[in-house]
């Protein structure tokens, strides 16, 4: 009861705080429709799942392909691109931790989001058989999403790469028929590879959530979620006290992500 009273008291005392005023301004100044076009940074090359997320979120956009998630943030912060599209969570392999850390580190805002069904194929050079393969290349998330299949293979090296489509591109350029890639089905035609095995992901219910970031704070029509970065006190009940504040104002939390605090031993 006391906690609820303090919450309502704070709401009345600080209803015109910096964040509230910034939110109201963003709502008033944001376009009446979500953007359909613009320059958008995307990690990888044509054929990646991130590229498909770009097409879904910003169907008329001009995509700039970059190397790695950090480069997506660089492009947005520098003004080279208006938006950036990144994966943040997979339904079977969990959070993309690098993206969470970059969201805390950089000054960007999540302005939109979507989810895609993800299918993974084992792509090889034409004529290659399963017993010929000695190395499989893909993004760590894709390797994790296909772990049940990969665990059954013997004597095969798993090599991490920064992007699934770039892994397919690398296999296509290789002279070694024993190198394979795990990538989206469309990469087979794009890079002249053969799908040796299809749908090798652990679960058919395999979805990845993608976010669209911007250095400008926008609240587009239909927005019904907010993501915040905060720190609970490092004391007994610290997290409970923080979560109670959300409950008191009727906010449903759909996900909590705990990340290490740099410079503090085992504090999150």
Protein backbone atom coordinates (compact mmCIF):
# COMPACT_ATOMS: atom_id res chain seq x y z
CA UNK A 1 0.00 0.00 0.00
CA UNK A 2 2.83 2.38 0.89
CA UNK A 3 4.59 1.53 -2.36
CA UNK A 4 1.44 2.25 -4.35
CA UNK A 5 0.99 5.56 -2.54
CA UNK A 6 4.59 6.61 -3.27
CA UNK A 7 4.13 5.72 -6.94
CA UNK A 8 1.04 7.92 -7.28
CA UNK A 9 2.75 10.70 -5.37
CA UNK A 10 5.74 10.61 -7.71
CA UNK A 11 3.42 10.57 -10.70
CA UNK A 12 1.83 13.83 -9.57
CA UNK A 13 5.07 15.51 -8.54
CA UNK A 14 7.08 14.59 -11.64
CA UNK A 15 4.47 14.47 -14.38
CA UNK A 16 6.38 17.16 -16.31
CA UNK A 17 9.83 15.64 -15.95
CA UNK A 18 12.36 15.58 -18.80
CA UNK A 19 11.39 12.16 -20.11
CA UNK A 20 7.64 12.88 -20.08
CA UNK A 21 8.09 16.17 -21.93
CA UNK A 22 10.37 14.46 -24.47
CA UNK A 23 7.78 11.74 -25.02
CA UNK A 24 4.97 14.27 -25.55
CA UNK A 25 7.09 16.23 -28.00
CA UNK A 26 7.94 13.08 -29.95
CA UNK A 27 4.26 12.11 -30.20
CA UNK A 28 3.31 15.59 -31.40
CA UNK A 29 6.11 15.85 -33.97
CA UNK A 30 6.18 12.29 -35.34
CA UNK A 31 4.59 11.66 -38.78
CA UNK A 32 1.00 10.47 -38.85
CA UNK A 33 2.03 7.25 -40.61
CA UNK A 34 5.03 4.93 -40.03
CA UNK A 35 7.81 5.56 -42.57
CA UNK A 36 7.87 3.43 -45.73
CA UNK A 37 11.09 4.76 -47.21
CA UNK A 38 14.48 6.08 -46.16
CA UNK A 39 18.09 4.98 -45.95
CA UNK A 40 18.52 1.98 -43.68
CA UNK A 41 21.66 0.20 -42.46
CA UNK A 42 21.58 -3.58 -42.47
CA UNK A 43 24.28 -6.07 -41.44
CA UNK A 44 25.26 -8.55 -44.14
CA UNK A 45 24.53 -8.77 -47.85
CA UNK A 46 21.52 -9.33 -50.07
CA UNK A 47 19.66 -12.48 -49.04
CA UNK A 48 20.10 -12.10 -45.29
CA UNK A 49 17.18 -12.34 -42.85
CA UNK A 50 17.88 -8.75 -41.80
CA UNK A 51 17.35 -7.66 -45.41
CA UNK A 52 13.92 -9.35 -45.37
CA UNK A 53 13.13 -7.52 -42.12
CA UNK A 54 14.14 -4.23 -43.81
CA UNK A 55 11.77 -4.98 -46.68
CA UNK A 56 8.94 -5.64 -44.24
CA UNK A 57 9.52 -2.60 -42.03
CA UNK A 58 10.55 -0.11 -44.75
CA UNK A 59 9.41 -1.56 -48.09
CA UNK A 60 10.55 1.44 -50.16
CA UNK A 61 13.86 1.97 -48.37
CA UNK A 62 17.37 2.18 -49.75
CA UNK A 63 19.40 -0.49 -47.96
CA UNK A 64 23.06 0.10 -47.10
CA UNK A 65 24.81 -3.16 -46.26
CA UNK A 66 27.46 -2.99 -43.55
CA UNK A 67 29.66 -5.47 -41.68
CA UNK A 68 28.37 -6.31 -38.22
CA UNK A 69 25.88 -4.90 -35.74
CA UNK A 70 28.23 -2.21 -34.45
CA UNK A 71 28.51 -0.80 -37.97
CA UNK A 72 24.71 -0.50 -38.11
CA UNK A 73 24.80 1.76 -35.04
CA UNK A 74 27.76 3.68 -36.51
CA UNK A 75 25.81 4.39 -39.70
CA UNK A 76 22.75 5.63 -37.80
CA UNK A 77 24.65 7.75 -35.27
CA UNK A 78 26.78 9.39 -37.97
CA UNK A 79 23.72 10.31 -40.02
CA UNK A 80 24.80 8.15 -42.95
CA UNK A 81 21.49 6.28 -42.58
CA UNK A 82 18.17 7.33 -41.09
CA UNK A 83 17.42 3.89 -39.72
CA UNK A 84 19.08 0.62 -38.80
CA UNK A 85 17.51 -2.83 -38.64
CA UNK A 86 18.87 -5.46 -36.25
CA UNK A 87 17.83 -8.83 -34.79
CA UNK A 88 17.31 -8.72 -31.05
CA UNK A 89 15.80 -12.03 -29.99
CA UNK A 90 15.10 -15.52 -31.33
CA UNK A 91 12.31 -17.72 -30.02
CA UNK A 92 14.53 -20.81 -29.69
CA UNK A 93 18.06 -19.45 -29.18
CA UNK A 94 17.35 -16.42 -27.01
CA UNK A 95 18.66 -12.87 -27.03
CA UNK A 96 21.20 -11.35 -29.39
CA UNK A 97 23.34 -10.06 -26.54
CA UNK A 98 25.62 -7.88 -28.66
CA UNK A 99 22.63 -5.82 -29.78
CA UNK A 100 21.42 -5.35 -26.20
CA UNK A 101 24.86 -4.14 -25.16
CA UNK A 102 25.00 -1.72 -28.10
CA UNK A 103 21.58 -0.31 -27.21
CA UNK A 104 22.91 0.53 -23.75
CA UNK A 105 26.18 1.89 -25.11
CA UNK A 106 24.89 4.05 -27.98
CA UNK A 107 22.42 6.94 -28.20
CA UNK A 108 19.77 5.42 -30.43
CA UNK A 109 16.07 4.74 -30.02
CA UNK A 110 13.92 1.76 -30.99
CA UNK A 111 11.19 3.21 -33.19
CA UNK A 112 9.63 0.11 -34.78
CA UNK A 113 9.76 -3.67 -34.61
CA UNK A 114 8.63 -6.81 -36.38
CA UNK A 115 9.17 -10.56 -36.32
CA UNK A 116 10.03 -13.04 -39.04
CA UNK A 117 9.76 -16.80 -39.33
CA UNK A 118 13.29 -18.07 -39.84
CA UNK A 119 14.15 -21.14 -41.90
CA UNK A 120 17.69 -22.49 -42.26
CA UNK A 121 19.05 -24.66 -45.08
CA UNK A 122 22.40 -26.41 -45.36
CA UNK A 123 23.88 -24.95 -48.54
CA UNK A 124 26.75 -26.55 -50.45
CA UNK A 125 28.49 -26.35 -53.79
CA UNK A 126 26.77 -28.42 -56.46
CA UNK A 127 27.69 -32.11 -56.23
CA UNK A 128 28.75 -32.02 -52.57
CA UNK A 129 27.39 -34.81 -50.33
CA UNK A 130 26.87 -34.74 -46.58
CA UNK A 131 29.85 -37.04 -45.97
CA UNK A 132 32.10 -34.64 -47.93
CA UNK A 133 31.53 -31.75 -45.51
CA UNK A 134 34.31 -30.94 -43.02
CA UNK A 135 33.41 -27.30 -42.17
CA UNK A 136 30.09 -25.49 -41.69
CA UNK A 137 30.05 -21.68 -41.57
CA UNK A 138 27.27 -19.43 -40.28
CA UNK A 139 26.32 -16.75 -37.78
CA UNK A 140 26.46 -17.93 -34.12
CA UNK A 141 22.69 -17.45 -33.81
CA UNK A 142 22.05 -19.71 -36.80
CA UNK A 143 24.47 -22.34 -35.46
CA UNK A 144 22.62 -22.26 -32.15
CA UNK A 145 19.22 -22.51 -33.83
CA UNK A 146 20.41 -25.64 -35.68
CA UNK A 147 22.26 -27.23 -32.77
CA UNK A 148 20.20 -30.46 -32.74
CA UNK A 149 21.21 -31.22 -36.32
CA UNK A 150 24.82 -30.12 -35.86
CA UNK A 151 25.30 -32.22 -32.71
CA UNK A 152 24.71 -35.37 -34.78
CA UNK A 153 27.60 -34.62 -37.14
CA UNK A 154 31.01 -36.07 -36.42
CA UNK A 155 34.32 -34.55 -37.40
CA UNK A 156 32.77 -31.34 -38.73
CA UNK A 157 34.21 -27.96 -37.70
CA UNK A 158 31.71 -25.21 -36.92
CA UNK A 159 32.98 -21.77 -37.83
CA UNK A 160 31.27 -18.54 -36.76
CA UNK A 161 30.79 -15.78 -39.31
CA UNK A 162 29.25 -12.33 -39.07
CA UNK A 163 26.23 -13.03 -41.27
CA UNK A 164 24.40 -16.04 -42.74
CA UNK A 165 24.16 -14.61 -46.27
CA UNK A 166 27.84 -13.61 -46.21
CA UNK A 167 28.63 -17.18 -45.13
CA UNK A 168 26.78 -18.47 -48.21
CA UNK A 169 28.69 -15.96 -50.35
CA UNK A 170 31.97 -17.23 -48.86
CA UNK A 171 31.12 -20.86 -49.64
CA UNK A 172 30.19 -19.95 -53.21
CA UNK A 173 33.58 -18.27 -53.70
CA UNK A 174 35.53 -21.15 -52.16
CA UNK A 175 37.30 -23.82 -54.18
CA UNK A 176 36.79 -26.33 -51.36
CA UNK A 177 33.68 -28.51 -51.89
CA UNK A 178 33.83 -29.62 -48.25
CA UNK A 179 32.78 -26.21 -46.91
CA UNK A 180 29.07 -25.59 -46.32
CA UNK A 181 26.94 -22.72 -45.00
CA UNK A 182 23.76 -22.46 -42.98
CA UNK A 183 21.67 -19.68 -44.47
CA UNK A 184 18.19 -18.66 -45.60
CA UNK A 185 16.69 -20.66 -48.52
CA UNK A 186 16.87 -17.74 -50.96
CA UNK A 187 20.68 -17.72 -50.68
CA UNK A 188 20.84 -20.94 -52.73
CA UNK A 189 19.63 -19.23 -55.90
CA UNK A 190 21.39 -15.97 -55.14
CA UNK A 191 24.82 -17.57 -54.79
CA UNK A 192 24.44 -20.62 -57.05
CA UNK A 193 24.49 -23.16 -54.22
CA UNK A 194 22.51 -26.36 -53.64
CA UNK A 195 20.25 -26.86 -50.60
CA UNK A 196 21.58 -30.20 -49.37
CA UNK A 197 19.14 -30.26 -46.43
CA UNK A 198 16.19 -27.96 -45.81
CA UNK A 199 14.66 -26.63 -42.60
CA UNK A 200 17.39 -27.88 -40.28
CA UNK A 201 16.48 -25.47 -37.46
CA UNK A 202 15.65 -27.03 -34.08
CA UNK A 203 12.02 -25.94 -34.17
CA UNK A 204 9.50 -25.10 -36.87
CA UNK A 205 8.31 -22.38 -34.48
CA UNK A 206 11.48 -20.40 -35.10
CA UNK A 207 10.91 -16.64 -35.04
CA UNK A 208 13.31 -13.72 -34.72
CA UNK A 209 12.30 -10.28 -33.51
CA UNK A 210 13.89 -7.38 -35.38
CA UNK A 211 14.05 -3.76 -34.25
CA UNK A 212 14.38 -0.56 -36.24
CA UNK A 213 16.59 2.07 -34.60
CA UNK A 214 16.95 5.80 -35.19
CA UNK A 215 19.01 8.55 -33.58
CA UNK A 216 15.82 10.64 -33.49
CA UNK A 217 13.09 9.94 -30.95
CA UNK A 218 9.83 9.10 -32.79
CA UNK A 219 6.57 7.59 -31.58
CA UNK A 220 4.71 6.37 -34.63
CA UNK A 221 0.97 5.58 -34.71
CA UNK A 222 0.19 2.11 -33.39
CA UNK A 223 3.17 2.04 -31.01
CA UNK A 224 2.19 -0.05 -27.98
CA UNK A 225 5.54 -1.00 -26.44
CA UNK A 226 8.43 0.79 -24.82
CA UNK A 227 11.93 -0.46 -24.02
CA UNK A 228 13.90 1.09 -21.18
CA UNK A 229 17.42 0.65 -19.82
CA UNK A 230 17.66 1.06 -16.06
CA UNK A 231 19.65 -0.13 -13.05
CA UNK A 232 18.24 -1.61 -9.85
CA UNK A 233 19.97 -0.98 -6.54
CA UNK A 234 22.52 -3.66 -5.63
CA UNK A 235 20.76 -4.61 -2.40
CA UNK A 236 18.21 -7.18 -1.17
CA UNK A 237 14.84 -6.44 -2.74
CA UNK A 238 16.32 -3.98 -5.25
CA UNK A 239 14.85 -5.72 -8.29
CA UNK A 240 11.52 -6.33 -6.54
CA UNK A 241 11.22 -2.66 -5.67
CA UNK A 242 11.86 -1.69 -9.28
CA UNK A 243 9.34 -4.19 -10.69
CA UNK A 244 6.69 -3.07 -8.20
CA UNK A 245 6.75 0.41 -9.71
CA UNK A 246 5.69 -1.00 -13.08
CA UNK A 247 2.96 -3.08 -11.49
CA UNK A 248 1.60 -0.08 -9.58
CA UNK A 249 0.97 1.86 -12.79
CA UNK A 250 -0.49 -1.13 -14.65
CA UNK A 251 2.41 -1.77 -17.03
CA UNK A 252 2.84 -5.38 -18.17
CA UNK A 253 6.49 -6.41 -18.59
CA UNK A 254 6.92 -8.81 -21.52
CA UNK A 255 10.68 -9.32 -21.19
CA UNK A 256 13.55 -8.68 -18.80
CA UNK A 257 17.17 -8.80 -20.00
CA UNK A 258 19.98 -8.68 -17.47
CA UNK A 259 23.41 -7.56 -18.68
CA UNK A 260 26.72 -7.20 -16.78
CA UNK A 261 27.70 -3.73 -15.59
CA UNK A 262 31.14 -3.02 -17.04
CA UNK A 263 33.68 -2.31 -14.30
CA UNK A 264 31.63 -3.99 -11.54
CA UNK A 265 32.34 -7.58 -10.56
CA UNK A 266 29.27 -9.76 -11.10
CA UNK A 267 26.78 -6.90 -10.91
CA UNK A 268 23.95 -6.73 -13.45
